[in-house]
Protein backbone atom coordinates (compact mmCIF):
# COMPACT_ATOMS: atom_id res chain seq x y z
CA MET A 1 -43.54 89.69 -20.80
CA THR A 2 -44.25 92.35 -18.19
CA ALA A 3 -43.77 95.91 -19.47
CA ILE A 4 -40.48 97.39 -18.23
CA LYS A 5 -40.42 101.12 -17.59
CA ILE A 6 -37.25 103.05 -16.89
CA ASN A 7 -37.31 106.49 -15.29
CA GLY A 8 -35.30 108.62 -12.91
CA ALA A 9 -36.36 106.50 -9.94
CA THR A 10 -35.23 103.19 -11.48
CA ARG A 11 -32.80 101.29 -9.25
CA ILE A 12 -29.81 99.69 -10.96
CA TYR A 13 -28.28 96.27 -10.46
CA GLY A 14 -25.22 95.27 -12.48
CA ILE A 15 -23.60 92.00 -13.39
CA VAL A 16 -19.81 92.28 -13.51
CA GLY A 17 -17.53 90.00 -15.49
CA ASP A 18 -15.01 89.43 -18.26
CA PRO A 19 -16.34 88.25 -20.68
CA ILE A 20 -19.98 89.23 -20.19
CA VAL A 21 -21.81 88.35 -23.43
CA GLN A 22 -22.81 84.90 -22.12
CA VAL A 23 -24.83 86.03 -19.10
CA ARG A 24 -28.61 85.64 -18.84
CA SER A 25 -29.12 87.62 -15.64
CA PRO A 26 -30.05 91.00 -17.20
CA GLU A 27 -32.98 89.50 -19.07
CA VAL A 28 -34.09 87.12 -16.32
CA PHE A 29 -33.87 89.42 -13.30
CA THR A 30 -35.14 92.58 -15.02
CA GLU A 31 -38.28 90.65 -16.00
CA LEU A 32 -38.64 89.27 -12.46
CA PHE A 33 -38.27 92.76 -10.95
CA ALA A 34 -40.95 94.05 -13.31
CA ALA A 35 -43.30 91.16 -12.50
CA ALA A 36 -42.83 91.90 -8.78
CA GLY A 37 -43.62 95.57 -9.31
CA THR A 38 -40.08 96.65 -8.47
CA ASN A 39 -38.70 99.60 -10.43
CA ALA A 40 -35.28 98.09 -11.12
CA ILE A 41 -33.17 96.74 -13.96
CA VAL A 42 -30.08 94.55 -14.30
CA VAL A 43 -27.41 95.65 -16.78
CA PRO A 44 -24.32 93.78 -18.05
CA LEU A 45 -21.01 95.43 -17.14
CA HIS A 46 -17.89 94.31 -18.98
CA VAL A 47 -15.10 95.19 -16.55
CA LEU A 48 -11.55 94.70 -17.78
CA PRO A 49 -9.03 93.33 -15.26
CA SER A 50 -6.74 96.35 -15.64
CA GLU A 51 -9.62 98.68 -14.75
CA PHE A 52 -11.20 96.58 -12.02
CA GLU A 53 -10.37 98.51 -8.83
CA LYS A 54 -11.24 101.97 -10.05
CA THR A 55 -14.37 100.72 -11.84
CA MET A 56 -15.69 98.95 -8.75
CA SER A 57 -15.00 101.93 -6.49
CA ALA A 58 -16.84 104.25 -8.85
CA LEU A 59 -19.70 101.83 -9.49
CA MET A 60 -20.37 101.11 -5.81
CA GLY A 61 -20.26 104.83 -5.12
CA LEU A 62 -23.25 105.53 -7.37
CA GLY A 63 -26.32 106.36 -5.29
CA ASN A 64 -28.81 104.42 -7.41
CA VAL A 65 -26.87 101.14 -7.62
CA ASP A 66 -28.51 98.73 -5.16
CA GLY A 67 -26.77 95.46 -5.96
CA LEU A 68 -24.25 93.57 -8.05
CA LEU A 69 -24.05 90.09 -9.48
CA VAL A 70 -20.56 88.76 -10.09
CA THR A 71 -19.34 86.27 -12.67
CA VAL A 72 -15.92 85.08 -13.84
CA PRO A 73 -13.21 85.97 -13.09
CA TYR A 74 -14.09 88.26 -10.19
CA LYS A 75 -15.92 86.17 -7.57
CA ALA A 76 -12.97 85.91 -5.19
CA ARG A 77 -11.72 89.40 -5.93
CA MET A 78 -15.10 90.97 -5.10
CA ALA A 79 -15.31 89.47 -1.61
CA SER A 80 -13.09 92.21 -0.17
CA TYR A 81 -15.59 94.85 -1.32
CA ALA A 82 -18.29 93.52 1.02
CA SER A 83 -18.70 95.01 4.50
CA ARG A 84 -20.02 91.64 5.68
CA LEU A 85 -20.26 88.14 4.21
CA GLY A 86 -22.83 85.38 4.43
CA ASP A 87 -21.83 81.94 5.71
CA THR A 88 -20.91 80.38 2.35
CA ALA A 89 -19.01 83.43 1.14
CA ARG A 90 -17.11 83.67 4.41
CA CYS A 91 -16.17 79.98 4.20
CA ILE A 92 -14.74 80.11 0.67
CA GLY A 93 -13.75 83.77 0.35
CA ALA A 94 -15.81 84.49 -2.77
CA VAL A 95 -19.14 86.09 -3.68
CA ASN A 96 -21.49 86.12 -6.64
CA ALA A 97 -23.88 88.74 -5.26
CA LEU A 98 -23.61 91.96 -3.26
CA ARG A 99 -26.46 94.02 -1.84
CA ARG A 100 -26.34 97.63 -0.67
CA GLU A 101 -27.92 98.04 2.76
CA ALA A 102 -29.94 101.02 4.00
CA ASP A 103 -26.88 102.34 5.85
CA GLY A 104 -24.77 102.28 2.67
CA THR A 105 -22.69 99.22 3.57
CA TRP A 106 -22.58 96.11 1.38
CA THR A 107 -23.45 92.49 2.16
CA GLY A 108 -22.04 89.72 -0.04
CA ASP A 109 -22.81 86.03 -0.40
CA MET A 110 -22.35 83.10 -2.77
CA PHE A 111 -25.24 81.20 -4.37
CA ASP A 112 -23.58 79.20 -7.17
CA GLY A 113 -23.23 76.03 -5.11
CA ALA A 114 -26.80 76.05 -3.83
CA GLY A 115 -27.99 76.79 -7.36
CA PHE A 116 -26.05 73.86 -8.81
CA VAL A 117 -27.36 71.41 -6.19
CA ARG A 118 -30.91 72.72 -6.58
CA GLY A 119 -30.60 72.40 -10.37
CA ALA A 120 -29.51 68.77 -10.03
CA GLU A 121 -32.28 67.95 -7.55
CA ARG A 122 -34.91 69.51 -9.81
CA LYS A 123 -33.84 67.01 -12.47
CA GLY A 124 -34.28 64.14 -10.03
CA GLU A 125 -30.58 63.43 -9.53
CA VAL A 126 -29.35 61.77 -6.34
CA LEU A 127 -26.11 63.30 -5.06
CA ARG A 128 -25.59 61.49 -1.76
CA GLY A 129 -22.70 59.04 -1.90
CA ARG A 130 -21.41 60.13 -5.29
CA ARG A 131 -17.69 60.16 -6.03
CA VAL A 132 -17.02 63.55 -7.60
CA ALA A 133 -14.26 64.93 -9.81
CA LEU A 134 -14.33 68.72 -9.85
CA TYR A 135 -12.50 70.79 -12.45
CA GLY A 136 -11.82 74.27 -11.09
CA ALA A 137 -11.37 75.58 -7.55
CA GLY A 138 -12.27 79.21 -8.08
CA GLY A 139 -15.32 80.93 -6.64
CA ALA A 140 -17.95 78.79 -8.36
CA GLY A 141 -15.99 75.58 -7.93
CA SER A 142 -15.42 76.20 -4.22
CA ALA A 143 -19.09 76.97 -3.65
CA ILE A 144 -20.21 73.88 -5.56
CA ALA A 145 -17.75 71.70 -3.65
CA CYS A 146 -19.09 72.93 -0.30
CA GLU A 147 -22.72 72.41 -1.29
CA LEU A 148 -22.01 68.95 -2.72
CA ALA A 149 -20.27 67.98 0.51
CA LYS A 150 -23.23 69.34 2.45
CA ALA A 151 -25.53 67.26 0.23
CA GLY A 152 -23.65 64.12 1.25
CA VAL A 153 -21.36 63.18 -1.62
CA GLY A 154 -18.77 60.62 -0.56
CA SER A 155 -15.66 62.20 -2.05
CA ILE A 156 -14.45 65.17 -4.09
CA ALA A 157 -11.24 65.08 -6.16
CA ILE A 158 -10.22 68.63 -7.09
CA ILE A 159 -8.42 69.20 -10.40
CA GLU A 160 -7.06 72.73 -10.56
CA PRO A 161 -3.90 74.03 -12.32
CA ARG A 162 -3.20 76.42 -9.46
CA ALA A 163 -1.92 74.17 -6.69
CA ASP A 164 -2.52 76.81 -4.00
CA ARG A 165 -6.21 77.00 -4.89
CA ALA A 166 -6.60 73.23 -4.90
CA GLU A 167 -4.89 72.83 -1.53
CA SER A 168 -6.87 75.70 0.00
CA LEU A 169 -10.20 74.22 -1.06
CA THR A 170 -9.14 70.76 0.08
CA LYS A 171 -8.32 72.16 3.52
CA ILE A 172 -11.67 73.97 3.74
CA LEU A 173 -13.59 70.81 2.82
CA ARG A 174 -11.68 68.57 5.22
CA GLU A 175 -12.28 70.94 8.11
CA ALA A 176 -15.94 71.76 7.37
CA PHE A 177 -17.05 68.36 6.04
CA PRO A 178 -14.88 65.60 7.54
CA ALA A 179 -17.25 62.88 6.26
CA CYS A 180 -16.42 63.84 2.67
CA ALA A 181 -13.00 62.66 1.44
CA ALA A 182 -11.42 65.68 -0.27
CA THR A 183 -8.20 65.44 -2.26
CA ALA A 184 -6.26 67.60 -4.71
CA VAL A 185 -5.27 65.59 -7.80
CA ALA A 186 -3.50 66.24 -11.08
CA ALA A 187 -5.89 64.33 -13.37
CA LEU A 188 -9.24 62.59 -13.42
CA PRO A 189 -9.09 59.66 -10.98
CA SER A 190 -10.67 56.29 -11.70
CA GLY A 191 -13.92 55.30 -10.06
CA VAL A 192 -15.71 58.66 -10.10
CA ASN A 193 -19.39 58.72 -11.01
CA MET A 194 -19.86 62.49 -11.16
CA ILE A 195 -17.80 65.06 -13.07
CA VAL A 196 -18.31 68.82 -12.72
CA ASN A 197 -16.67 71.48 -14.85
CA ALA A 198 -16.44 74.61 -12.69
CA SER A 199 -13.64 76.10 -14.77
CA THR A 200 -14.01 78.63 -17.58
CA VAL A 201 -13.21 75.99 -20.21
CA GLY A 202 -16.14 75.82 -22.60
CA MET A 203 -16.97 79.49 -22.38
CA ARG A 204 -15.15 80.54 -25.53
CA ALA A 205 -15.54 79.33 -29.09
CA GLY A 206 -13.11 76.55 -29.88
CA ASP A 207 -12.75 75.35 -26.28
CA GLY A 208 -12.56 71.61 -25.68
CA LEU A 209 -12.94 69.56 -22.53
CA PRO A 210 -11.45 70.76 -19.20
CA GLY A 211 -9.24 67.67 -19.09
CA ASP A 212 -8.71 64.15 -20.38
CA ILE A 213 -12.06 62.66 -19.44
CA GLY A 214 -12.21 59.67 -21.78
CA ALA A 215 -15.15 57.29 -22.10
CA LEU A 216 -17.94 57.54 -19.52
CA THR A 217 -20.35 55.01 -18.10
CA ALA A 218 -24.02 55.92 -18.42
CA ASP A 219 -24.43 56.26 -14.64
CA THR A 220 -21.98 59.20 -14.53
CA LEU A 221 -23.63 62.53 -13.75
CA VAL A 222 -21.96 65.40 -15.60
CA GLY A 223 -22.27 69.08 -14.66
CA ASP A 224 -21.07 72.34 -16.18
CA VAL A 225 -21.24 75.90 -14.84
CA VAL A 226 -20.86 77.50 -18.27
CA VAL A 227 -24.13 79.13 -19.36
CA SER A 228 -24.74 78.47 -23.04
CA GLU A 229 -27.66 78.19 -25.44
CA GLU A 230 -26.02 75.16 -27.05
CA PRO A 231 -24.51 72.14 -25.25
CA THR A 232 -20.98 72.91 -24.09
CA PRO A 233 -18.15 70.50 -24.96
CA ILE A 234 -18.44 68.57 -21.69
CA ILE A 235 -22.25 68.32 -21.99
CA GLN A 236 -21.82 67.11 -25.58
CA HIS A 237 -19.43 64.49 -24.19
CA ALA A 238 -22.04 63.44 -21.63
CA LEU A 239 -24.73 63.14 -24.31
CA ARG A 240 -22.41 60.98 -26.42
CA TYR A 241 -22.29 58.39 -23.64
CA GLY A 242 -25.93 58.64 -22.53
CA CYS A 243 -25.15 60.37 -19.22
CA HIS A 244 -27.48 62.59 -17.21
CA TYR A 245 -26.28 66.17 -16.92
CA VAL A 246 -26.71 69.52 -15.16
CA THR A 247 -26.04 72.61 -17.29
CA GLY A 248 -25.03 76.14 -16.43
CA ARG A 249 -28.60 77.17 -17.22
CA ASP A 250 -29.85 74.62 -14.66
CA MET A 251 -27.47 76.08 -12.07
CA HIS A 252 -28.54 79.63 -12.91
CA SER A 253 -32.24 78.73 -12.61
CA GLY A 254 -31.58 76.93 -9.33
CA GLN A 255 -30.40 80.12 -7.61
CA ILE A 256 -32.93 82.63 -8.95
CA ASP A 257 -35.32 82.42 -5.99
CA ALA A 258 -32.49 82.71 -3.48
CA LEU A 259 -31.02 85.73 -5.27
CA MET A 260 -34.38 87.49 -5.50
CA ALA A 261 -34.83 86.98 -1.76
CA PHE A 262 -31.28 88.26 -1.15
CA PHE A 263 -31.96 91.44 -3.13
CA ALA A 264 -35.30 92.10 -1.37
CA PRO A 265 -35.19 95.18 0.89
CA THR A 266 -33.80 94.24 4.28
CA GLN A 267 -32.32 95.79 7.37
CA VAL A 268 -28.86 94.89 8.62
CA SER A 269 -28.92 93.06 11.93
CA PRO A 270 -26.81 94.98 14.47
CA ASP A 271 -25.02 91.77 15.48
CA GLN A 272 -23.82 90.97 11.93
CA PRO A 273 -20.02 91.27 11.75
CA VAL A 274 -18.72 94.09 9.58
CA ALA A 275 -15.47 93.43 7.72
CA THR A 276 -12.86 96.14 7.48
CA HIS A 277 -10.72 96.64 4.39
């Protein structure tokens, strides 16, 4: 491990969420910053929903905070704090990373979807043509759905208790990726050969499966966004039936390079749109 030194010139990056104990980013990115010779650290920030607005305003006003990572449940809520959004974030209205620019404004983007697809590809999985059932249409789920559609999956059935979220994501997918059949459904449809849990189910002790999944055929690819040292309930279910799987750790690893590049010092292009809020 590279020695990490903290002094008055150390730049701070935070990861914001509720809960926060499950995140790996402080360890991973602080070590990567040190290895790159960057005097910066990443710290976990447990922000309670009732304190969110005033905490974010104060945090982003600190002069030595250069960036933020965002986890559940704040990915959609944080998008309005960005002065400008990258293509994926603008499409789905959610971010998982924000970077302070030299002029003091903030740029936000979403890397969960690209990380999930990259994690699957690193394990040799073929995504094109798959029939997907997706649990969860929040920030991570929306990003994953867009990247899966971009990767050429044949269909995505969205299972989300909030009907407005499910319909919104369905509309986005149909407009942006007409070749991918997107539907909002109430339960797991028959005939799928890929199941992704992009909900928070599995994050807390005692959680079960995100829905009634039943028996699986061995050719079903199972994915989960929950980062855990031990197999989550849905990954345990996949193992029981001999299925290949993509874990939250695989997704996290798949976006590390993109996030490090995003946080590298950069200048804002004068033709980038600036959001007002």
